[in-house]
Protein backbone atom coordinates (compact mmCIF):
# COMPACT_ATOMS: atom_id res chain seq x y z
CA UNK A 1 -0.12 -0.08 0.08
CA UNK A 2 1.30 3.28 -1.26
CA UNK A 3 2.02 5.63 2.11
CA UNK A 4 3.13 9.86 1.42
CA UNK A 5 7.18 9.83 1.95
CA UNK A 6 7.26 13.05 3.65
CA UNK A 7 5.12 10.27 6.46
CA UNK A 8 8.40 8.31 6.24
CA UNK A 9 9.39 5.21 7.23
CA UNK A 10 6.55 4.23 10.30
CA UNK A 11 5.57 0.55 9.94
CA UNK A 12 9.45 -1.05 11.52
CA UNK A 13 11.07 3.15 11.35
CA UNK A 14 11.22 5.48 14.25
CA UNK A 15 7.44 6.14 14.12
CA UNK A 16 6.31 2.88 15.70
CA UNK A 17 9.14 2.93 18.61
CA UNK A 18 8.33 5.81 19.73
CA UNK A 19 4.32 6.98 18.61
CA UNK A 20 2.84 5.18 21.74
CA UNK A 21 5.67 6.66 24.29
CA UNK A 22 5.58 10.10 23.04
CA UNK A 23 2.05 10.15 23.31
CA UNK A 24 1.80 8.67 26.59
CA UNK A 25 4.78 11.29 27.44
CA UNK A 26 2.35 14.56 25.73
CA UNK A 27 -0.76 13.59 28.10
CA UNK A 28 2.66 13.77 30.75
CA UNK A 29 2.57 17.43 29.66
CA UNK A 30 -1.11 17.76 30.33
CA UNK A 31 -1.42 16.65 33.53
CA UNK A 32 1.82 18.42 34.60
CA UNK A 33 -0.20 21.97 33.00
CA UNK A 34 -2.85 21.31 34.23
CA UNK A 35 -1.57 21.50 37.90
CA UNK A 36 0.32 24.70 36.53
CA UNK A 37 -3.05 26.25 36.04
CA UNK A 38 -4.82 24.93 39.28
CA UNK A 39 -1.09 26.46 41.31
CA UNK A 40 -0.95 29.80 39.38
CA UNK A 41 -5.42 29.57 39.60
CA UNK A 42 -4.81 29.36 43.54
CA UNK A 43 -2.09 32.22 43.25
CA UNK A 44 -4.02 34.58 41.37
CA UNK A 45 -7.16 33.69 43.85
CA UNK A 46 -5.38 34.90 47.04
CA UNK A 47 -3.67 37.89 44.73
CA UNK A 48 -7.11 39.01 43.98
CA UNK A 49 -8.54 38.78 47.70
CA UNK A 50 -5.99 41.43 48.30
CA UNK A 51 -7.12 43.81 45.94
CA UNK A 52 -10.87 43.74 46.73
CA UNK A 53 -10.83 47.36 47.95
CA UNK A 54 -8.89 48.57 44.50
CA UNK A 55 -11.96 46.74 42.32
CA UNK A 56 -14.83 48.10 45.05
CA UNK A 57 -13.48 51.66 44.32
CA UNK A 58 -13.87 50.50 40.85
CA UNK A 59 -17.45 49.01 40.86
CA UNK A 60 -18.27 52.28 43.00
CA UNK A 61 -17.79 54.31 40.28
CA UNK A 62 -19.20 53.30 37.55
CA UNK A 63 -17.45 49.73 36.35
CA UNK A 64 -19.21 47.11 35.44
CA UNK A 65 -18.67 43.89 36.54
CA UNK A 66 -17.91 42.67 33.12
CA UNK A 67 -15.70 45.14 32.51
CA UNK A 68 -13.84 44.07 35.39
CA UNK A 69 -13.73 40.84 34.51
CA UNK A 70 -12.12 41.18 31.09
CA UNK A 71 -9.53 44.15 33.24
CA UNK A 72 -8.55 40.29 35.08
CA UNK A 73 -8.65 38.06 32.26
CA UNK A 74 -6.56 39.92 30.27
CA UNK A 75 -3.76 40.53 32.82
CA UNK A 76 -3.58 37.22 33.17
CA UNK A 77 -3.09 35.83 29.38
CA UNK A 78 -0.18 38.13 29.56
CA UNK A 79 1.12 36.60 31.99
CA UNK A 80 0.77 33.48 29.83
CA UNK A 81 1.68 34.98 26.73
CA UNK A 82 5.21 36.06 28.63
CA UNK A 83 5.12 31.92 30.10
CA UNK A 84 4.58 30.78 26.34
CA UNK A 85 7.39 33.19 24.83
CA UNK A 86 10.10 31.82 27.00
CA UNK A 87 8.36 28.18 26.59
CA UNK A 88 9.03 28.97 23.55
CA UNK A 89 12.76 29.17 23.44
CA UNK A 90 12.80 26.42 26.26
CA UNK A 91 11.64 24.26 24.04
CA UNK A 92 13.99 24.87 20.57
CA UNK A 93 16.91 23.64 22.99
CA UNK A 94 14.58 20.74 24.48
CA UNK A 95 14.06 19.32 21.43
CA UNK A 96 16.93 19.39 19.95
CA UNK A 97 18.31 17.31 23.31
CA UNK A 98 15.38 15.47 23.14
CA UNK A 99 16.48 14.39 19.63
CA UNK A 100 20.35 13.14 20.70
CA UNK A 101 18.63 11.10 23.33
CA UNK A 102 17.19 9.36 21.25
CA UNK A 103 19.84 8.48 18.61
CA UNK A 104 22.18 6.13 19.20
CA UNK A 105 24.74 5.61 18.17
CA UNK A 106 24.26 3.11 15.31
CA UNK A 107 21.00 4.51 14.40
CA UNK A 108 21.27 8.07 14.29
CA UNK A 109 18.22 10.46 14.03
CA UNK A 110 18.21 13.51 11.81
CA UNK A 111 14.61 15.55 12.84
CA UNK A 112 13.73 19.18 11.92
CA UNK A 113 12.20 20.57 14.49
CA UNK A 114 12.77 24.31 14.21
CA UNK A 115 8.93 26.10 15.25
CA UNK A 116 6.92 27.08 12.07
CA UNK A 117 3.67 28.87 11.86
CA UNK A 118 1.41 25.93 12.95
CA UNK A 119 3.87 25.63 16.72
CA UNK A 120 3.74 28.71 16.62
CA UNK A 121 -0.18 29.01 16.46
CA UNK A 122 -0.49 26.19 18.49
CA UNK A 123 1.56 27.64 21.45
CA UNK A 124 -0.46 30.83 21.32
CA UNK A 125 -3.58 29.33 21.30
CA UNK A 126 -2.74 27.17 24.43
CA UNK A 127 -1.95 30.08 25.73
CA UNK A 128 -4.57 32.32 25.67
CA UNK A 129 -6.94 28.94 26.78
CA UNK A 130 -4.42 28.54 30.18
CA UNK A 131 -4.61 31.99 30.86
CA UNK A 132 -8.63 32.17 30.72
CA UNK A 133 -8.47 28.84 32.34
CA UNK A 134 -6.92 29.82 35.43
CA UNK A 135 -7.72 33.23 34.83
CA UNK A 136 -11.93 32.63 34.79
CA UNK A 137 -12.35 31.33 38.57
CA UNK A 138 -10.01 34.08 40.75
CA UNK A 139 -12.17 36.70 38.36
CA UNK A 140 -15.46 36.00 38.96
CA UNK A 141 -14.61 35.57 42.37
CA UNK A 142 -13.41 38.61 43.12
CA UNK A 143 -15.72 40.81 41.49
CA UNK A 144 -18.34 39.70 44.14
CA UNK A 145 -17.75 42.21 45.90
CA UNK A 146 -19.27 43.66 49.40
CA UNK A 147 -18.85 47.75 49.23
CA UNK A 148 -19.76 47.52 52.17
CA UNK A 149 -17.68 44.41 53.81
CA UNK A 150 -14.75 46.33 50.95
CA UNK A 151 -14.24 49.32 53.00
CA UNK A 152 -15.11 47.92 56.39
CA UNK A 153 -11.54 45.46 55.76
CA UNK A 154 -10.05 42.24 54.78
CA UNK A 155 -11.45 40.38 58.21
CA UNK A 156 -15.13 41.21 57.41
CA UNK A 157 -15.25 40.12 53.99
CA UNK A 158 -13.16 36.86 55.18
CA UNK A 159 -15.60 36.16 57.18
CA UNK A 160 -18.62 37.22 54.83
CA UNK A 161 -16.74 34.87 51.79
CA UNK A 162 -16.86 32.07 53.50
CA UNK A 163 -16.14 29.44 50.91
CA UNK A 164 -13.26 31.88 49.60
CA UNK A 165 -10.53 29.40 51.63
CA UNK A 166 -12.62 26.23 50.26
CA UNK A 167 -12.06 26.88 47.21
CA UNK A 168 -8.93 27.15 47.06
CA UNK A 169 -8.29 23.84 49.64
CA UNK A 170 -10.18 21.82 46.53
CA UNK A 171 -7.95 23.26 43.58
CA UNK A 172 -5.09 22.23 46.16
CA UNK A 173 -6.48 19.12 46.55
CA UNK A 174 -6.69 18.44 42.30
CA UNK A 175 -3.36 19.53 42.26
CA UNK A 176 -2.81 16.12 45.29
CA UNK A 177 -4.86 13.65 42.61
CA UNK A 178 -2.74 15.27 39.62
CA UNK A 179 0.82 14.89 41.14
CA UNK A 180 0.41 11.93 42.62
CA UNK A 181 -0.93 10.50 39.44
CA UNK A 182 1.96 11.57 37.54
CA UNK A 183 4.00 10.61 40.62
CA UNK A 184 2.62 6.69 40.13
CA UNK A 185 3.77 6.84 36.78
CA UNK A 186 6.58 8.34 36.85
CA UNK A 187 7.88 5.66 39.72
CA UNK A 188 6.55 2.50 37.34
CA UNK A 189 8.61 3.82 34.38
CA UNK A 190 11.15 4.37 36.68
CA UNK A 191 11.30 0.83 38.31
CA UNK A 192 10.73 -0.68 34.80
CA UNK A 193 14.14 0.73 33.53
CA UNK A 194 15.79 -0.64 37.03
CA UNK A 195 14.73 -4.21 36.28
CA UNK A 196 15.68 -3.61 32.37
CA UNK A 197 19.40 -2.39 32.88
CA UNK A 198 19.82 -4.29 36.24
CA UNK A 199 18.63 -7.48 34.40
CA UNK A 200 20.70 -10.71 33.72
CA UNK A 201 21.30 -10.18 29.81
CA UNK A 202 23.04 -13.92 30.13
CA UNK A 203 26.54 -12.52 28.73
CA UNK A 204 29.13 -9.59 30.10
CA UNK A 205 28.40 -6.37 28.47
CA UNK A 206 31.38 -4.92 30.28
CA UNK A 207 34.82 -4.01 28.77
CA UNK A 208 34.16 -6.12 25.00
CA UNK A 209 35.13 -4.32 21.82
CA UNK A 210 32.97 -4.92 18.75
CA UNK A 211 34.78 -4.92 15.24
CA UNK A 212 32.92 -6.04 12.26
CA UNK A 213 35.51 -6.94 9.32
CA UNK A 214 33.90 -6.25 5.63
CA UNK A 215 35.89 -8.66 3.10
CA UNK A 216 33.53 -7.08 0.60
CA UNK A 217 35.59 -4.34 0.28
CA UNK A 218 39.36 -6.68 -0.06
CA UNK A 219 37.08 -9.09 -2.77
CA UNK A 220 38.35 -12.14 -1.34
CA UNK A 221 37.33 -15.33 -2.94
CA UNK A 222 34.33 -17.43 -0.81
CA UNK A 223 36.54 -20.02 -0.14
CA UNK A 224 39.14 -17.97 1.87
CA UNK A 225 36.83 -16.26 3.33
CA UNK A 226 37.09 -18.50 6.83
CA UNK A 227 40.51 -18.71 6.71
CA UNK A 228 41.74 -14.80 5.89
CA UNK A 229 38.53 -14.17 9.46
CA UNK A 230 40.80 -17.50 11.30
CA UNK A 231 43.98 -15.81 11.02
CA UNK A 232 42.79 -12.28 11.70
CA UNK A 233 41.76 -13.93 15.38
CA UNK A 234 44.55 -15.23 15.27
CA UNK A 235 46.58 -11.86 15.50
CA UNK A 236 43.96 -9.91 17.48
CA UNK A 237 44.88 -12.96 20.36
CA UNK A 238 48.05 -11.68 21.13
CA UNK A 239 47.61 -8.25 21.19
CA UNK A 240 48.66 -6.57 24.40
CA UNK A 241 45.88 -6.66 27.15
CA UNK A 242 43.39 -8.85 24.94
CA UNK A 243 41.29 -11.55 27.55
CA UNK A 244 40.08 -13.36 25.24
CA UNK A 245 38.38 -12.94 21.66
CA UNK A 246 36.03 -14.77 19.65
CA UNK A 247 33.92 -13.65 16.24
CA UNK A 248 30.39 -14.21 15.08
CA UNK A 249 27.84 -14.19 12.40
CA UNK A 250 25.89 -11.72 14.90
CA UNK A 251 26.62 -9.71 17.33
CA UNK A 252 24.37 -9.58 20.93
CA UNK A 253 21.44 -6.64 20.36
CA UNK A 254 22.89 -5.55 17.03
CA UNK A 255 19.57 -5.10 15.84
CA UNK A 256 19.27 -7.83 13.30
CA UNK A 257 18.60 -11.50 13.59
CA UNK A 258 18.57 -14.69 11.39
CA UNK A 259 15.87 -17.24 11.91
CA UNK A 260 14.76 -20.81 10.73
CA UNK A 261 12.42 -23.63 11.97
CA UNK A 262 13.77 -27.06 13.21
CA UNK A 263 11.97 -30.16 13.80
CA UNK A 264 13.23 -33.09 15.97
CA UNK A 265 11.57 -36.22 17.35
CA UNK A 266 9.18 -34.85 20.10
CA UNK A 267 8.28 -31.74 18.31
CA UNK A 268 6.09 -32.94 15.65
CA UNK A 269 3.38 -30.97 17.69
CA UNK A 270 4.60 -27.36 17.72
CA UNK A 271 4.30 -25.03 14.50
CA UNK A 272 6.81 -23.33 12.36
CA UNK A 273 6.56 -19.98 14.82
CA UNK A 274 6.56 -22.18 17.85
CA UNK A 275 9.66 -24.55 16.05
CA UNK A 276 11.12 -20.71 14.86
CA UNK A 277 14.65 -20.54 16.36
CA UNK A 278 17.24 -17.57 16.64
CA UNK A 279 20.83 -19.08 14.63
CA UNK A 280 24.59 -17.91 14.68
CA UNK A 281 27.44 -18.57 13.35
CA UNK A 282 29.94 -18.49 15.98
CA UNK A 283 34.03 -19.26 16.58
CA UNK A 284 34.96 -21.90 19.05
CA UNK A 285 36.20 -18.42 21.05
CA UNK A 286 33.02 -16.49 21.38
CA UNK A 287 31.51 -17.64 24.24
CA UNK A 288 34.48 -17.15 26.54
CA UNK A 289 35.28 -14.22 25.03
CA UNK A 290 31.16 -13.27 26.51
CA UNK A 291 31.42 -15.14 29.34
CA UNK A 292 28.53 -17.51 28.06
CA UNK A 293 28.78 -20.58 30.44
CA UNK A 294 28.36 -23.85 29.19
CA UNK A 295 26.33 -25.94 31.35
CA UNK A 296 26.66 -28.97 29.59
CA UNK A 297 28.90 -30.65 26.91
CA UNK A 298 31.90 -28.94 25.36
CA UNK A 299 32.99 -25.88 23.41
CA UNK A 300 33.34 -26.67 19.70
CA UNK A 301 36.81 -27.62 18.39
CA UNK A 302 39.11 -27.48 15.40
CA UNK A 303 37.69 -31.25 14.67
CA UNK A 304 34.80 -28.99 13.19
CA UNK A 305 35.12 -27.67 9.87
CA UNK A 306 32.67 -28.14 6.71
CA UNK A 307 33.51 -31.81 6.01
CA UNK A 308 32.67 -33.16 9.70
CA UNK A 309 29.90 -34.40 11.43
CA UNK A 310 27.98 -31.12 11.68
CA UNK A 311 26.90 -29.75 15.57
CA UNK A 312 25.36 -27.46 17.62
CA UNK A 313 25.24 -26.14 20.89
CA UNK A 314 21.60 -24.67 21.68
CA UNK A 315 20.16 -22.48 24.62
CA UNK A 316 18.24 -23.66 28.05
CA UNK A 317 14.69 -22.24 26.05
CA UNK A 318 14.98 -24.80 23.21
CA UNK A 319 16.45 -27.31 25.58
CA UNK A 320 12.76 -27.10 27.36
CA UNK A 321 10.83 -26.55 24.21
CA UNK A 322 12.61 -29.52 21.65
CA UNK A 323 13.99 -31.51 24.46
CA UNK A 324 11.10 -31.53 27.45
CA UNK A 325 12.46 -33.84 30.12
CA UNK A 326 15.21 -34.90 28.14
CA UNK A 327 19.56 -34.12 28.20
CA UNK A 328 19.82 -33.26 25.12
CA UNK A 329 22.94 -33.81 24.47
CA UNK A 330 23.93 -36.09 22.02
CA UNK A 331 20.28 -36.02 20.24
CA UNK A 332 20.33 -33.98 17.35
CA UNK A 333 17.28 -31.85 15.05
CA UNK A 334 17.09 -30.32 11.90
CA UNK A 335 16.93 -27.84 9.77
CA UNK A 336 14.67 -25.94 7.64
CA UNK A 337 16.31 -25.38 4.58
CA UNK A 338 16.37 -22.23 2.03
CA UNK A 339 13.93 -25.13 -0.23
CA UNK A 340 11.87 -25.90 3.02
CA UNK A 341 12.95 -28.65 3.27
CA UNK A 342 14.92 -30.00 6.67
CA UNK A 343 18.33 -30.64 6.49
CA UNK A 344 20.50 -33.29 7.74
CA UNK A 345 20.89 -34.37 11.23
CA UNK A 346 23.09 -31.73 13.53
CA UNK A 347 23.84 -33.08 16.50
CA UNK A 348 24.07 -31.35 19.55
CA UNK A 349 27.45 -31.03 21.21
CA UNK A 350 26.71 -28.82 24.23
CA UNK A 351 24.47 -26.49 26.14
CA UNK A 352 25.23 -23.15 26.28
CA UNK A 353 22.87 -20.59 29.34
CA UNK A 354 19.91 -18.77 28.15
CA UNK A 355 20.91 -15.13 26.60
CA UNK A 356 19.51 -11.89 25.01
CA UNK A 357 19.11 -12.13 21.15
CA UNK A 358 17.37 -9.04 19.83
CA UNK A 359 17.08 -6.32 23.11
CA UNK A 360 16.60 -6.94 26.67
CA UNK A 361 12.53 -6.36 27.17
CA UNK A 362 12.06 -9.92 24.73
CA UNK A 363 11.65 -13.08 26.24
CA UNK A 364 14.65 -15.95 25.13
CA UNK A 365 14.37 -17.69 22.40
CA UNK A 366 15.38 -21.05 21.87
CA UNK A 367 18.84 -20.24 20.02
CA UNK A 368 20.69 -22.63 18.23
CA UNK A 369 24.68 -21.88 17.41
CA UNK A 370 27.08 -23.94 14.89
CA UNK A 371 30.61 -23.85 13.95
CA UNK A 372 31.47 -21.10 12.10
CA UNK A 373 32.71 -23.40 10.02
CA UNK A 374 29.98 -25.39 9.04
CA UNK A 375 27.71 -22.39 8.51
CA UNK A 376 24.57 -23.75 6.62
CA UNK A 377 23.81 -22.52 4.13
CA UNK A 378 25.59 -22.47 0.37
CA UNK A 379 26.51 -18.19 0.30
CA UNK A 380 27.93 -16.71 3.62
CA UNK A 381 27.77 -13.36 4.96
CA UNK A 382 31.18 -11.20 3.52
CA UNK A 383 31.12 -9.64 6.54
CA UNK A 384 31.59 -11.10 10.76
CA UNK A 385 32.23 -9.63 13.94
CA UNK A 386 34.75 -9.68 16.55
CA UNK A 387 33.95 -10.02 20.48
CA UNK A 388 37.20 -9.27 21.90
CA UNK A 389 37.17 -9.00 25.69
CA UNK A 390 39.70 -6.27 27.10
CA UNK A 391 41.59 -6.09 30.46
CA UNK A 392 41.90 -2.04 30.20
CA UNK A 393 39.46 0.70 28.19
CA UNK A 394 38.21 -0.87 24.66
CA UNK A 395 38.92 2.40 23.34
CA UNK A 396 42.74 2.11 23.54
CA UNK A 397 43.07 -0.64 20.93
CA UNK A 398 41.37 1.11 17.81
CA UNK A 399 45.20 1.61 16.65
CA UNK A 400 46.34 -1.96 17.60
CA UNK A 401 43.36 -3.79 15.92
CA UNK A 402 43.64 -1.76 12.77
CA UNK A 403 47.36 -2.62 12.43
CA UNK A 404 47.22 -5.99 13.08
CA UNK A 405 44.20 -6.86 10.71
CA UNK A 406 46.04 -4.30 8.57
CA UNK A 407 48.99 -7.06 8.46
CA UNK A 408 46.23 -9.78 7.48
CA UNK A 409 44.70 -7.46 4.58
CA UNK A 410 44.92 -3.84 4.29
CA UNK A 411 41.55 -4.08 1.73
CA UNK A 412 38.67 -5.81 4.71
CA UNK A 413 37.35 -2.26 5.77
CA UNK A 414 36.29 -1.73 9.70
CA UNK A 415 34.04 -1.10 11.40
CA UNK A 416 33.83 -0.58 16.27
CA UNK A 417 31.89 -0.35 18.30
CA UNK A 418 31.48 -1.25 22.08
CA UNK A 419 29.04 -3.74 23.00
CA UNK A 420 27.04 -2.15 26.40
CA UNK A 421 26.80 1.11 24.12
CA UNK A 422 24.92 -1.77 22.17
CA UNK A 423 22.98 -3.07 24.99
CA UNK A 424 22.15 0.75 26.40
CA UNK A 425 20.83 1.53 22.74
CA UNK A 426 18.68 -1.10 23.07
CA UNK A 427 16.89 0.19 25.85
CA UNK A 428 16.31 3.76 24.57
CA UNK A 429 12.46 3.76 24.93
CA UNK A 430 12.63 2.27 28.36
CA UNK A 431 15.45 5.90 29.02
CA UNK A 432 13.52 8.19 27.13
CA UNK A 433 10.29 7.29 29.66
CA UNK A 434 11.84 7.34 32.36
CA UNK A 435 14.29 10.60 32.46
CA UNK A 436 11.04 12.25 30.93
CA UNK A 437 8.41 10.91 33.70
CA UNK A 438 10.77 11.16 35.98
CA UNK A 439 11.31 15.18 35.39
CA UNK A 440 7.87 15.75 35.11
CA UNK A 441 6.58 13.82 38.08
CA UNK A 442 9.51 15.60 39.98
CA UNK A 443 7.92 19.33 38.58
CA UNK A 444 4.24 18.39 39.33
CA UNK A 445 5.42 17.74 42.88
CA UNK A 446 6.93 20.33 43.24
CA UNK A 447 4.83 22.62 41.70
CA UNK A 448 1.62 20.99 44.19
CA UNK A 449 3.92 22.02 47.25
CA UNK A 450 4.40 25.25 45.92
CA UNK A 451 0.35 25.45 45.63
CA UNK A 452 -0.26 23.90 49.32
CA UNK A 453 2.99 25.85 50.59
CA UNK A 454 0.74 29.30 49.26
CA UNK A 455 -2.67 28.42 50.56
CA UNK A 456 -2.29 27.81 53.81
CA UNK A 457 0.64 30.65 53.64
CA UNK A 458 -2.82 33.09 53.03
CA UNK A 459 -4.68 31.30 55.25
CA UNK A 460 -2.29 31.33 58.31
CA UNK A 461 -2.06 35.69 57.59
CA UNK A 462 -5.68 35.62 57.17
CA UNK A 463 -6.10 34.12 60.93
CA UNK A 464 -3.79 36.25 62.62
CA UNK A 465 -6.24 37.10 64.50
CA UNK A 466 -8.19 34.40 65.18
CA UNK A 467 -4.92 32.52 66.74
CA UNK A 468 -4.23 36.37 68.67
CA UNK A 469 -7.37 35.67 70.00
CA UNK A 470 -7.05 32.41 70.69
CA UNK A 471 -3.33 32.52 72.26
CA UNK A 472 -4.59 35.95 74.17
CA UNK A 473 -6.97 32.87 75.79
CA UNK A 474 -4.42 30.91 76.94
CA UNK A 475 -4.30 28.17 73.70
CA UNK A 476 -1.26 26.33 73.14
CA UNK A 477 0.84 26.85 70.25
CA UNK A 478 0.36 23.63 69.65
CA UNK A 479 -3.34 23.55 69.13
CA UNK A 480 -2.49 26.33 66.50
CA UNK A 481 -0.26 23.58 65.05
CA UNK A 482 -2.91 21.03 64.98
CA UNK A 483 -5.41 23.44 63.38
CA UNK A 484 -3.11 23.95 60.23
CA UNK A 485 -2.21 20.66 60.50
CA UNK A 486 -5.58 19.64 60.46
CA UNK A 487 -6.42 21.60 57.38
CA UNK A 488 -3.35 19.81 55.38
CA UNK A 489 -4.24 16.66 56.44
CA UNK A 490 -7.97 17.53 54.44
CA UNK A 491 -6.28 19.30 51.36
CA UNK A 492 -3.79 15.88 51.60
CA UNK A 493 -6.56 13.10 52.01
CA UNK A 494 -8.79 14.18 49.32
CA UNK A 495 -6.00 14.79 47.06
CA UNK A 496 -4.39 10.94 47.95
CA UNK A 497 -8.27 9.95 47.16
CA UNK A 498 -8.60 11.52 44.86
CA UNK A 499 -5.74 10.62 43.22
CA UNK A 500 -5.32 6.72 44.16
CA UNK A 501 -8.66 6.35 41.99
CA UNK A 502 -7.65 8.17 39.13
CA UNK A 503 -3.98 6.27 39.13
CA UNK A 504 -5.46 2.97 39.57
CA UNK A 505 -7.82 3.76 35.97
CA UNK A 506 -4.73 5.57 34.24
CA UNK A 507 -2.16 2.96 34.88
CA UNK A 508 -3.49 0.27 32.87
CA UNK A 509 -2.36 2.18 29.78
CA UNK A 510 1.29 1.68 31.08
CA UNK A 511 1.03 -1.81 30.91
CA UNK A 512 2.96 -2.44 27.30
CA UNK A 513 5.80 -0.36 28.52
CA UNK A 514 6.57 -1.75 31.88
CA UNK A 515 9.29 -5.07 32.50
CA UNK A 516 8.04 -7.33 35.44
CA UNK A 517 5.92 -4.76 36.94
CA UNK A 518 2.11 -5.05 36.81
CA UNK A 519 0.66 -1.86 36.30
CA UNK A 520 -0.98 -1.34 38.83
CA UNK A 521 2.01 -2.27 41.35
CA UNK A 522 1.25 -1.98 45.27
CA UNK A 523 4.71 -0.43 46.29
CA UNK A 524 5.14 1.44 43.63
CA UNK A 525 1.70 3.22 44.92
CA UNK A 526 3.01 3.24 48.69
CA UNK A 527 6.54 5.12 47.29
CA UNK A 528 4.66 7.95 45.41
CA UNK A 529 1.46 8.15 48.26
CA UNK A 530 4.47 8.26 50.90
CA UNK A 531 6.42 10.53 49.10
CA UNK A 532 3.49 12.71 48.02
CA UNK A 533 2.57 12.99 52.08
CA UNK A 534 5.91 14.14 52.68
CA UNK A 535 5.94 16.98 50.27
CA UNK A 536 2.88 18.26 51.89
CA UNK A 537 3.80 17.40 55.09
CA UNK A 538 7.43 20.11 54.76
CA UNK A 539 5.23 22.64 52.39
CA UNK A 540 2.65 23.27 55.37
CA UNK A 541 4.90 22.56 58.59
CA UNK A 542 6.22 26.24 57.61
CA UNK A 543 3.36 28.05 57.86
CA UNK A 544 2.07 25.56 61.04
CA UNK A 545 5.44 26.69 62.14
CA UNK A 546 4.68 30.48 62.00
CA UNK A 547 0.87 30.43 63.07
CA UNK A 548 2.53 29.43 66.38
CA UNK A 549 4.92 32.14 67.12
CA UNK A 550 1.95 34.66 66.34
CA UNK A 551 2.27 37.78 69.28
CA UNK A 552 -1.44 37.89 70.50
CA UNK A 553 -0.87 41.90 70.88
CA UNK A 554 0.38 42.17 67.47
CA UNK A 555 -2.38 40.15 65.86
CA UNK A 556 -5.02 41.75 68.59
CA UNK A 557 -4.15 45.03 66.51
CA UNK A 558 -4.84 43.62 63.00
CA UNK A 559 -6.84 45.32 61.30
């Protein structure tokens, strides 16, 4: 089916890999924006409360409520537009960083993300909408001013308007709920990435230099290719600082795969898909270079040639699937040929520990390894990869390796990679999600803390008279602390209750992106709740401590 070229290679390319993660990150950004809007709305409510006399005077002089609302909304929109302009500057830097972050050593990504008219128009629209969103409630609230109460002072106004603080409390509770959702999502993605990064992948990725040698330019005849590779391996083995060396048709997690169905006397019930086996052609030093332990049988030997009995080493998964409850050593299997027929029997001489093949996330595939001298097809690829396990930094061997290969054939082209980088490149999606979700979760937590602190600070300042009277009548500072703590507990309790419900419903969309964790992980939910509660208590303690230190004489003279 034809598709516009401007959309790029979507089915197997970057769009397929990052479309869903970026959609989730867009939803995360939207939640952070809602938290920021709620935060600013709360602060605007506090700010407009201090302007009640000004608004009352304007109304007394003939200003209509519609005009006052328009003025307040204009101030909010201007504030939002100023923030949007600053955000565009950060976005220009952030998008470049994002593209660089999803680029890997093997797959560089080039995207033109320079701002255009559509981006600027979208940003301006969002700025206006958010300005109206966080400014409408404060504007409506502040223009319902009783002229008589306003002239009497703020205390009289607050007594007449007991719902003012309740509105701010609900706004902060909503912030806490949304923040908990983001904290849970960030916690799940971070824990999932940690499990991937610390997973036993079946081989040692550290201090392994991968050298891809291509014989195409050197024009080596097919019957000489194996001899050339063996000569190169012998030259590399004597380099100083080299622990072991092996070679293979495919290196671990290089992004490609070679697979064919196999058949045994015990696998007739398996479908072609279930019988699909991942394959590799390796030298005897491959397992030692990658520290892949043999669990049974023996390694390939120099006696395994193109004319000897065909042999293979299999992994544990293949043994369990094709030889259930049997010792696979000494048994045989047949490999499907290009023609569709199954070839001659291949004897299993060794059993190796399971290892990842294409990516860290995958379920372990049934895998069979052939001696490089017994490549099962007539025409072999013109490139192989040498795995060099070093006792020094792998980068220090680049020059000696080039010299050693040049002594064999100067026409052989080489390409160098680090196995650790290759493994890390296979987790770029998970690393991106963990990093950005953690950043946005921390930002949401900070915004919620600011909102709670601002609301409680304003509440304490407006209740100074009440606190002064209580203390003048003998109330202890501890009782004042409990009054403020009760407000913190109410806000926090409502926010956490709503946030947990929202989290349990929302995290299901993350299930496909997690590894080794259920979406509704109790540990993550508990830790996120504890973090939010701890931050909220810290944010509420400062205003509460200030309330405990109210001087009764000063408070009684307040207005």
